[in-house]
Amino acid sequence: MGQNTEKTYTPSQIEAKLVGRLARWQFVDGFIERTYITTGWKATLIVVNTVGHLCEAAWHHPDMEVTYNKVRVKLQNHDAGGITDKDFELAQKLDDVVLWQPDGALTGPPVSQSIIKREG
């Protein structure tokens, strides 16, 4: 295996990148992390499988904590030993897909069947 040469970011650089679209992500103990609040166990399983699929497709694997209505996702580029562009790009992709809400002809389920609790 070759040496990983991906640029890792300093804590202050990471904090600066976690603004705007990634404002709900936090830098904690060497990871960028976010907790998705779901509407219950079935919704939690859907989120876990969605995160798993996207991470596997990106070949970038998170640490996750799963409870009845929460999925905590922690990203770090283990090969690079820190936070890299892969982490930020994957965090954005996860938000784009997990938080996506239908519109137009795609009306979506009734509120009682929603997957993610709406963010204020």
N, C-alpha and C. Protein backbone atom coordinates (compact mmCIF):
# COMPACT_ATOMS: atom_id res chain seq x y z
N MET A 1 0.83 -1.18 0.00
CA MET A 1 0.00 0.00 0.00
C MET A 1 0.87 1.24 0.00
N GLY A 2 0.48 2.22 -0.82
CA GLY A 2 1.23 3.46 -0.88
C GLY A 2 0.88 4.39 0.26
N GLN A 3 1.71 5.37 0.44
CA GLN A 3 1.49 6.36 1.49
C GLN A 3 0.38 7.32 1.06
N ASN A 4 -0.54 7.64 1.97
CA ASN A 4 -1.62 8.57 1.67
C ASN A 4 -1.07 9.98 1.72
N THR A 5 -1.32 10.74 0.66
CA THR A 5 -0.80 12.11 0.59
C THR A 5 -1.93 13.15 0.58
N GLU A 6 -3.13 12.75 0.97
CA GLU A 6 -4.23 13.70 1.00
C GLU A 6 -3.99 14.75 2.08
N LYS A 7 -4.35 15.99 1.75
CA LYS A 7 -4.19 17.10 2.69
C LYS A 7 -5.18 16.94 3.84
N THR A 8 -4.68 17.01 5.06
CA THR A 8 -5.55 17.04 6.22
C THR A 8 -5.65 18.48 6.70
N TYR A 9 -6.77 18.80 7.30
CA TYR A 9 -7.04 20.16 7.76
C TYR A 9 -6.77 20.31 9.25
N THR A 10 -6.37 21.51 9.64
CA THR A 10 -6.18 21.83 11.06
C THR A 10 -7.55 22.06 11.70
N PRO A 11 -7.63 22.00 13.02
CA PRO A 11 -8.93 22.26 13.67
C PRO A 11 -9.55 23.60 13.27
N SER A 12 -8.77 24.66 13.18
CA SER A 12 -9.35 25.96 12.81
C SER A 12 -9.82 25.96 11.35
N GLN A 13 -9.11 25.27 10.48
CA GLN A 13 -9.55 25.16 9.08
C GLN A 13 -10.84 24.35 8.98
N ILE A 14 -10.93 23.30 9.79
CA ILE A 14 -12.13 22.46 9.80
C ILE A 14 -13.33 23.28 10.25
N GLU A 15 -13.17 24.01 11.34
CA GLU A 15 -14.27 24.84 11.85
C GLU A 15 -14.72 25.85 10.80
N ALA A 16 -13.77 26.42 10.06
CA ALA A 16 -14.11 27.39 9.02
C ALA A 16 -14.89 26.75 7.88
N LYS A 17 -14.61 25.48 7.59
CA LYS A 17 -15.33 24.79 6.51
C LYS A 17 -16.72 24.32 6.95
N LEU A 18 -16.94 24.23 8.26
CA LEU A 18 -18.24 23.77 8.77
C LEU A 18 -19.19 24.96 8.98
N VAL A 19 -19.32 25.76 7.98
CA VAL A 19 -20.24 26.89 8.00
C VAL A 19 -21.14 26.76 6.78
N GLY A 20 -22.18 27.54 6.73
CA GLY A 20 -23.06 27.49 5.56
C GLY A 20 -23.78 26.16 5.49
N ARG A 21 -23.59 25.47 4.39
CA ARG A 21 -24.33 24.22 4.15
C ARG A 21 -23.96 23.10 5.12
N LEU A 22 -22.81 23.17 5.75
CA LEU A 22 -22.41 22.12 6.70
C LEU A 22 -22.50 22.58 8.16
N ALA A 23 -23.30 23.60 8.41
CA ALA A 23 -23.37 24.20 9.74
C ALA A 23 -23.89 23.25 10.81
N ARG A 24 -24.60 22.21 10.44
CA ARG A 24 -25.12 21.25 11.44
C ARG A 24 -24.11 20.15 11.76
N TRP A 25 -22.97 20.17 11.10
CA TRP A 25 -21.89 19.25 11.41
C TRP A 25 -20.98 19.93 12.42
N GLN A 26 -20.36 19.12 13.30
CA GLN A 26 -19.45 19.64 14.32
C GLN A 26 -18.14 18.88 14.26
N PHE A 27 -17.08 19.54 14.69
CA PHE A 27 -15.78 18.89 14.81
C PHE A 27 -15.61 18.48 16.27
N VAL A 28 -15.58 17.16 16.52
CA VAL A 28 -15.50 16.63 17.88
C VAL A 28 -14.51 15.46 17.90
N ASP A 29 -13.52 15.54 18.76
CA ASP A 29 -12.57 14.45 18.98
C ASP A 29 -11.98 13.87 17.69
N GLY A 30 -11.61 14.75 16.76
CA GLY A 30 -10.94 14.31 15.55
C GLY A 30 -11.86 13.89 14.41
N PHE A 31 -13.16 13.99 14.59
CA PHE A 31 -14.14 13.62 13.57
C PHE A 31 -15.02 14.83 13.27
N ILE A 32 -15.58 14.87 12.05
CA ILE A 32 -16.72 15.74 11.85
C ILE A 32 -17.94 14.84 12.02
N GLU A 33 -18.93 15.34 12.74
CA GLU A 33 -20.07 14.48 13.05
C GLU A 33 -21.38 15.25 13.00
N ARG A 34 -22.43 14.48 12.81
CA ARG A 34 -23.77 15.02 12.76
C ARG A 34 -24.72 13.94 13.23
N THR A 35 -25.79 14.36 13.92
CA THR A 35 -26.85 13.44 14.32
C THR A 35 -28.11 13.78 13.55
N TYR A 36 -28.63 12.77 12.85
CA TYR A 36 -29.90 12.91 12.17
C TYR A 36 -30.99 12.41 13.11
N ILE A 37 -32.03 13.19 13.31
CA ILE A 37 -33.16 12.81 14.16
C ILE A 37 -34.25 12.27 13.25
N THR A 38 -34.65 11.04 13.49
CA THR A 38 -35.67 10.42 12.65
C THR A 38 -37.01 10.41 13.37
N THR A 39 -37.99 9.85 12.70
CA THR A 39 -39.34 9.76 13.28
C THR A 39 -39.61 8.41 13.94
N GLY A 40 -38.60 7.57 14.04
CA GLY A 40 -38.78 6.27 14.70
C GLY A 40 -37.88 5.21 14.12
N TRP A 41 -38.02 4.00 14.62
CA TRP A 41 -37.11 2.91 14.29
C TRP A 41 -37.06 2.59 12.81
N LYS A 42 -38.22 2.47 12.15
CA LYS A 42 -38.23 2.16 10.73
C LYS A 42 -37.50 3.24 9.94
N ALA A 43 -37.74 4.49 10.28
CA ALA A 43 -37.06 5.60 9.62
C ALA A 43 -35.56 5.57 9.90
N THR A 44 -35.18 5.20 11.11
CA THR A 44 -33.76 5.09 11.47
C THR A 44 -33.07 4.06 10.59
N LEU A 45 -33.71 2.92 10.37
CA LEU A 45 -33.12 1.89 9.52
C LEU A 45 -32.95 2.37 8.09
N ILE A 46 -33.91 3.14 7.60
CA ILE A 46 -33.79 3.70 6.25
C ILE A 46 -32.59 4.64 6.17
N VAL A 47 -32.42 5.49 7.17
CA VAL A 47 -31.29 6.42 7.19
C VAL A 47 -29.97 5.65 7.27
N VAL A 48 -29.89 4.66 8.14
CA VAL A 48 -28.66 3.86 8.28
C VAL A 48 -28.29 3.22 6.94
N ASN A 49 -29.27 2.64 6.27
CA ASN A 49 -28.99 1.99 4.99
C ASN A 49 -28.61 3.01 3.91
N THR A 50 -29.21 4.17 3.93
CA THR A 50 -28.87 5.23 2.97
C THR A 50 -27.43 5.69 3.21
N VAL A 51 -27.09 5.97 4.46
CA VAL A 51 -25.72 6.38 4.80
C VAL A 51 -24.74 5.28 4.39
N GLY A 52 -25.08 4.04 4.72
CA GLY A 52 -24.20 2.92 4.36
C GLY A 52 -23.97 2.81 2.87
N HIS A 53 -25.03 2.96 2.09
CA HIS A 53 -24.90 2.87 0.64
C HIS A 53 -24.01 3.99 0.10
N LEU A 54 -24.26 5.23 0.52
CA LEU A 54 -23.47 6.35 0.01
C LEU A 54 -22.00 6.23 0.41
N CYS A 55 -21.76 5.83 1.65
CA CYS A 55 -20.37 5.68 2.11
C CYS A 55 -19.65 4.56 1.38
N GLU A 56 -20.34 3.46 1.16
CA GLU A 56 -19.72 2.34 0.43
C GLU A 56 -19.42 2.75 -1.01
N ALA A 57 -20.38 3.46 -1.63
CA ALA A 57 -20.17 3.92 -3.01
C ALA A 57 -18.98 4.87 -3.09
N ALA A 58 -18.77 5.68 -2.05
CA ALA A 58 -17.65 6.62 -2.01
C ALA A 58 -16.37 5.97 -1.50
N TRP A 59 -16.46 4.73 -1.03
CA TRP A 59 -15.33 4.00 -0.44
C TRP A 59 -14.71 4.82 0.68
N HIS A 60 -15.60 5.30 1.55
CA HIS A 60 -15.20 6.11 2.69
C HIS A 60 -16.15 5.76 3.83
N HIS A 61 -15.64 5.16 4.87
CA HIS A 61 -16.50 4.50 5.84
C HIS A 61 -16.58 5.23 7.17
N PRO A 62 -17.81 5.51 7.62
CA PRO A 62 -18.00 6.29 8.85
C PRO A 62 -18.03 5.41 10.09
N ASP A 63 -17.92 6.06 11.23
CA ASP A 63 -18.32 5.45 12.49
C ASP A 63 -19.77 5.91 12.69
N MET A 64 -20.63 5.02 13.17
CA MET A 64 -22.03 5.39 13.37
C MET A 64 -22.51 4.88 14.72
N GLU A 65 -23.42 5.65 15.32
CA GLU A 65 -24.13 5.24 16.52
C GLU A 65 -25.61 5.31 16.17
N VAL A 66 -26.31 4.22 16.48
CA VAL A 66 -27.71 4.11 16.08
C VAL A 66 -28.57 3.84 17.30
N THR A 67 -29.61 4.65 17.47
CA THR A 67 -30.60 4.41 18.51
C THR A 67 -31.98 4.47 17.87
N TYR A 68 -33.01 4.36 18.67
CA TYR A 68 -34.39 4.30 18.17
C TYR A 68 -34.70 5.39 17.15
N ASN A 69 -34.38 6.65 17.46
CA ASN A 69 -34.73 7.73 16.54
C ASN A 69 -33.56 8.67 16.23
N LYS A 70 -32.35 8.15 16.31
CA LYS A 70 -31.17 8.96 16.02
C LYS A 70 -30.10 8.14 15.31
N VAL A 71 -29.45 8.80 14.36
CA VAL A 71 -28.30 8.20 13.68
C VAL A 71 -27.18 9.23 13.74
N ARG A 72 -26.15 8.91 14.48
CA ARG A 72 -24.98 9.78 14.60
C ARG A 72 -23.92 9.27 13.64
N VAL A 73 -23.47 10.14 12.74
CA VAL A 73 -22.48 9.80 11.73
C VAL A 73 -21.21 10.57 12.04
N LYS A 74 -20.08 9.86 12.10
CA LYS A 74 -18.79 10.46 12.38
C LYS A 74 -17.85 10.14 11.22
N LEU A 75 -17.29 11.20 10.63
CA LEU A 75 -16.40 11.03 9.48
C LEU A 75 -14.98 11.46 9.81
N GLN A 76 -14.04 10.66 9.33
CA GLN A 76 -12.62 10.96 9.41
C GLN A 76 -11.95 10.10 8.36
N ASN A 77 -11.00 10.66 7.65
CA ASN A 77 -10.26 9.87 6.68
C ASN A 77 -9.20 9.08 7.43
N HIS A 78 -9.52 7.84 7.74
CA HIS A 78 -8.64 7.00 8.56
C HIS A 78 -7.28 6.81 7.90
N ASP A 79 -7.25 6.65 6.57
CA ASP A 79 -5.99 6.45 5.86
C ASP A 79 -5.09 7.68 5.98
N ALA A 80 -5.70 8.87 5.93
CA ALA A 80 -4.92 10.11 5.99
C ALA A 80 -4.65 10.55 7.42
N GLY A 81 -5.37 9.98 8.37
CA GLY A 81 -5.17 10.33 9.77
C GLY A 81 -5.75 11.68 10.16
N GLY A 82 -6.82 12.07 9.50
CA GLY A 82 -7.45 13.35 9.83
C GLY A 82 -8.63 13.64 8.92
N ILE A 83 -9.03 14.90 8.92
CA ILE A 83 -10.16 15.34 8.11
C ILE A 83 -9.62 15.86 6.78
N THR A 84 -10.18 15.34 5.69
CA THR A 84 -9.75 15.73 4.34
C THR A 84 -10.97 16.19 3.54
N ASP A 85 -10.73 16.57 2.30
CA ASP A 85 -11.84 16.97 1.43
C ASP A 85 -12.87 15.85 1.27
N LYS A 86 -12.42 14.60 1.32
CA LYS A 86 -13.37 13.48 1.22
C LYS A 86 -14.44 13.56 2.32
N ASP A 87 -14.04 13.93 3.51
CA ASP A 87 -14.98 14.02 4.62
C ASP A 87 -16.02 15.11 4.37
N PHE A 88 -15.56 16.27 3.94
CA PHE A 88 -16.49 17.38 3.69
C PHE A 88 -17.43 17.06 2.53
N GLU A 89 -16.89 16.48 1.47
CA GLU A 89 -17.73 16.14 0.31
C GLU A 89 -18.75 15.07 0.67
N LEU A 90 -18.33 14.08 1.44
CA LEU A 90 -19.27 13.03 1.84
C LEU A 90 -20.32 13.57 2.80
N ALA A 91 -19.94 14.44 3.72
CA ALA A 91 -20.91 15.06 4.63
C ALA A 91 -21.98 15.80 3.83
N GLN A 92 -21.56 16.54 2.81
CA GLN A 92 -22.53 17.27 2.00
C GLN A 92 -23.44 16.32 1.24
N LYS A 93 -22.88 15.25 0.69
CA LYS A 93 -23.69 14.27 -0.04
C LYS A 93 -24.70 13.61 0.89
N LEU A 94 -24.27 13.26 2.11
CA LEU A 94 -25.19 12.66 3.07
C LEU A 94 -26.34 13.61 3.36
N ASP A 95 -26.04 14.88 3.62
CA ASP A 95 -27.11 15.84 3.87
C ASP A 95 -28.04 15.97 2.66
N ASP A 96 -27.46 16.05 1.47
CA ASP A 96 -28.26 16.21 0.26
C ASP A 96 -29.27 15.07 0.12
N VAL A 97 -28.84 13.85 0.39
CA VAL A 97 -29.71 12.69 0.17
C VAL A 97 -30.61 12.42 1.38
N VAL A 98 -30.04 12.37 2.57
CA VAL A 98 -30.83 12.04 3.77
C VAL A 98 -31.89 13.10 4.03
N LEU A 99 -31.57 14.36 3.82
CA LEU A 99 -32.51 15.44 4.13
C LEU A 99 -33.40 15.85 2.96
N TRP A 100 -33.22 15.22 1.81
CA TRP A 100 -34.01 15.56 0.63
C TRP A 100 -35.50 15.42 0.92
N GLN A 101 -36.26 16.40 0.47
CA GLN A 101 -37.71 16.37 0.61
C GLN A 101 -38.34 16.47 -0.77
N PRO A 102 -39.32 15.63 -1.07
CA PRO A 102 -39.96 15.68 -2.38
C PRO A 102 -40.73 16.97 -2.59
N ASP A 103 -40.84 17.33 -3.86
CA ASP A 103 -41.67 18.47 -4.23
C ASP A 103 -42.22 18.23 -5.63
N GLY A 104 -43.04 19.13 -6.10
CA GLY A 104 -43.64 18.96 -7.42
C GLY A 104 -44.54 17.73 -7.45
N ALA A 105 -44.41 16.94 -8.49
CA ALA A 105 -45.22 15.73 -8.64
C ALA A 105 -44.88 14.68 -7.58
N LEU A 106 -43.71 14.79 -6.99
CA LEU A 106 -43.31 13.87 -5.92
C LEU A 106 -43.79 14.46 -4.60
N THR A 107 -44.98 14.10 -4.19
CA THR A 107 -45.59 14.74 -3.03
C THR A 107 -45.07 14.22 -1.70
N GLY A 108 -44.54 13.03 -1.68
CA GLY A 108 -44.00 12.48 -0.44
C GLY A 108 -45.09 11.87 0.44
N PRO A 109 -44.66 11.24 1.54
CA PRO A 109 -45.61 10.58 2.43
C PRO A 109 -46.33 11.59 3.31
N PRO A 110 -47.42 11.16 3.95
CA PRO A 110 -48.03 12.04 4.94
C PRO A 110 -47.02 12.31 6.06
N VAL A 111 -47.19 13.41 6.76
CA VAL A 111 -46.26 13.80 7.82
C VAL A 111 -46.03 12.65 8.80
N SER A 112 -47.06 11.89 9.09
CA SER A 112 -46.93 10.79 10.05
C SER A 112 -45.99 9.69 9.55
N GLN A 113 -45.68 9.67 8.27
CA GLN A 113 -44.79 8.65 7.70
C GLN A 113 -43.45 9.23 7.27
N SER A 114 -43.17 10.48 7.61
CA SER A 114 -41.90 11.11 7.25
C SER A 114 -40.74 10.36 7.88
N ILE A 115 -39.57 10.52 7.30
CA ILE A 115 -38.39 9.82 7.79
C ILE A 115 -37.57 10.71 8.72
N ILE A 116 -37.28 11.92 8.30
CA ILE A 116 -36.45 12.83 9.08
C ILE A 116 -37.33 13.91 9.67
N LYS A 117 -37.09 14.22 10.94
CA LYS A 117 -37.82 15.34 11.54
C LYS A 117 -37.36 16.61 10.87
N ARG A 118 -38.28 17.45 10.55
CA ARG A 118 -37.96 18.71 9.86
C ARG A 118 -37.12 19.59 10.78
N GLU A 119 -36.11 20.21 10.18
CA GLU A 119 -35.23 21.09 10.96
C GLU A 119 -35.78 22.50 10.94
N GLY A 120 -35.63 23.18 12.07
CA GLY A 120 -36.13 24.56 12.15
C GLY A 120 -35.19 25.56 11.60
